[in-house]
Protein backbone atom coordinates (compact mmCIF):
# COMPACT_ATOMS: atom_id res chain seq x y z
CA UNK A 1 112.58 167.91 116.42
CA UNK A 2 114.24 165.46 118.75
CA UNK A 3 114.76 166.16 122.42
CA UNK A 4 117.06 164.14 124.67
CA UNK A 5 115.78 164.02 128.22
CA UNK A 6 117.89 162.62 131.05
CA UNK A 7 115.94 160.97 133.83
CA UNK A 8 117.47 160.14 137.22
CA UNK A 9 117.00 156.41 137.74
CA UNK A 10 118.92 155.76 140.98
CA UNK A 11 121.12 157.75 143.32
CA UNK A 12 123.21 156.43 146.21
CA UNK A 13 126.15 157.47 148.34
CA UNK A 14 129.40 155.50 148.05
CA UNK A 15 132.12 156.57 150.50
CA UNK A 16 130.63 160.06 150.74
CA UNK A 17 130.38 160.48 146.95
CA UNK A 18 126.99 160.63 145.26
CA UNK A 19 126.71 158.21 142.37
CA UNK A 20 123.80 158.46 139.98
CA UNK A 21 122.61 156.40 137.06
CA UNK A 22 120.89 158.43 134.37
CA UNK A 23 118.60 156.93 131.77
CA UNK A 24 118.29 158.86 128.54
CA UNK A 25 115.20 158.85 126.36
CA UNK A 26 114.41 160.52 123.08
CA UNK A 27 111.10 162.22 122.43
CA UNK A 28 110.00 163.18 118.91
CA UNK A 29 107.98 166.39 118.72
CA UNK A 30 106.30 167.63 115.57
CA UNK A 31 104.04 170.56 114.78
CA UNK A 32 100.77 169.84 112.96
CA UNK A 33 101.05 170.25 109.19
CA UNK A 34 99.19 173.61 109.24
CA UNK A 35 101.48 175.17 111.90
CA UNK A 36 104.94 176.67 111.51
CA UNK A 37 107.67 178.27 113.56
CA UNK A 38 108.62 181.74 112.30
CA UNK A 39 111.54 183.79 113.62
CA UNK A 40 112.17 187.54 113.58
CA UNK A 41 113.54 188.52 110.18
CA UNK A 42 112.41 185.37 108.33
CA UNK A 43 111.30 185.91 104.75
CA UNK A 44 107.56 185.32 104.24
CA UNK A 45 105.78 185.54 100.89
CA UNK A 46 102.73 187.80 100.68
CA UNK A 47 100.02 186.87 98.20
CA UNK A 48 96.66 188.32 97.21
CA UNK A 49 93.39 186.46 97.83
CA UNK A 50 93.79 184.54 94.56
CA UNK A 51 97.18 183.23 95.67
CA UNK A 52 99.28 185.24 93.24
CA UNK A 53 101.28 188.51 93.29
CA UNK A 54 103.90 186.73 95.35
CA UNK A 55 106.13 189.27 97.12
CA UNK A 56 108.73 188.65 99.83
CA UNK A 57 108.21 190.32 103.20
CA UNK A 58 110.08 190.25 106.52
CA UNK A 59 108.48 188.63 109.57
CA UNK A 60 108.13 190.73 112.72
CA UNK A 61 108.01 188.67 115.95
CA UNK A 62 107.33 190.13 119.41
CA UNK A 63 107.18 188.02 122.58
CA UNK A 64 107.09 184.80 120.52
CA UNK A 65 104.10 186.04 118.44
CA UNK A 66 104.17 186.83 114.72
CA UNK A 67 102.81 190.38 114.80
CA UNK A 68 103.16 191.40 111.14
CA UNK A 69 105.11 191.04 107.92
CA UNK A 70 106.78 194.07 106.38
CA UNK A 71 106.94 194.61 102.64
CA UNK A 72 110.09 195.96 101.01
CA UNK A 73 110.36 199.76 100.80
CA UNK A 74 109.55 199.59 97.08
CA UNK A 75 106.24 197.74 97.66
CA UNK A 76 102.91 199.04 98.97
CA UNK A 77 99.33 197.91 99.49
CA UNK A 78 96.65 199.46 97.29
CA UNK A 79 92.93 199.04 97.89
CA UNK A 80 90.00 199.29 95.51
CA UNK A 81 88.81 202.84 94.74
CA UNK A 82 91.84 204.61 96.23
CA UNK A 83 92.26 208.08 94.75
CA UNK A 84 95.68 209.61 94.07
CA UNK A 85 96.13 213.32 93.41
CA UNK A 86 98.99 214.67 91.35
CA UNK A 87 98.93 212.11 88.53
CA UNK A 88 101.01 213.47 85.65
CA UNK A 89 100.93 212.92 81.89
CA UNK A 90 98.31 211.52 79.55
CA UNK A 91 97.80 208.07 78.13
CA UNK A 92 96.70 204.58 79.12
CA UNK A 93 99.83 203.26 80.84
CA UNK A 94 100.60 204.20 84.45
CA UNK A 95 104.09 204.08 85.95
CA UNK A 96 103.88 203.99 89.73
CA UNK A 97 106.80 204.99 91.97
CA UNK A 98 106.91 203.62 95.53
CA UNK A 99 109.38 204.83 98.19
CA UNK A 100 109.39 203.81 101.86
CA UNK A 101 106.17 201.85 101.29
CA UNK A 102 104.24 204.86 99.94
CA UNK A 103 103.19 205.74 96.38
CA UNK A 104 105.11 208.94 95.65
CA UNK A 105 104.23 209.42 91.96
CA UNK A 106 102.02 208.12 89.16
CA UNK A 107 102.90 209.08 85.61
CA UNK A 108 100.64 208.30 82.65
CA UNK A 109 102.11 207.69 79.22
């Protein structure tokens, strides 16, 4: 980022008119390499602890603070040992349906 900052160097009155000389300087500003600026609605990738299962999410910013990231309506978070009632079918393959961020069905085949 570059900022231009005008600094008043001298000011004087000439025939009732104020004349001013402005010096302009440039200042370079940079965030540290482990910081970032995130805006409301930016796309942020969500990963598991191993760094995979990359999934896009939408940044939520309130009062200049990143408060959360929201997964798409067809994605959800599942934790170890969760139990789901109403699983249908038999077999070794599960098809999971997610709507509005919630698992709505699991069908075995």
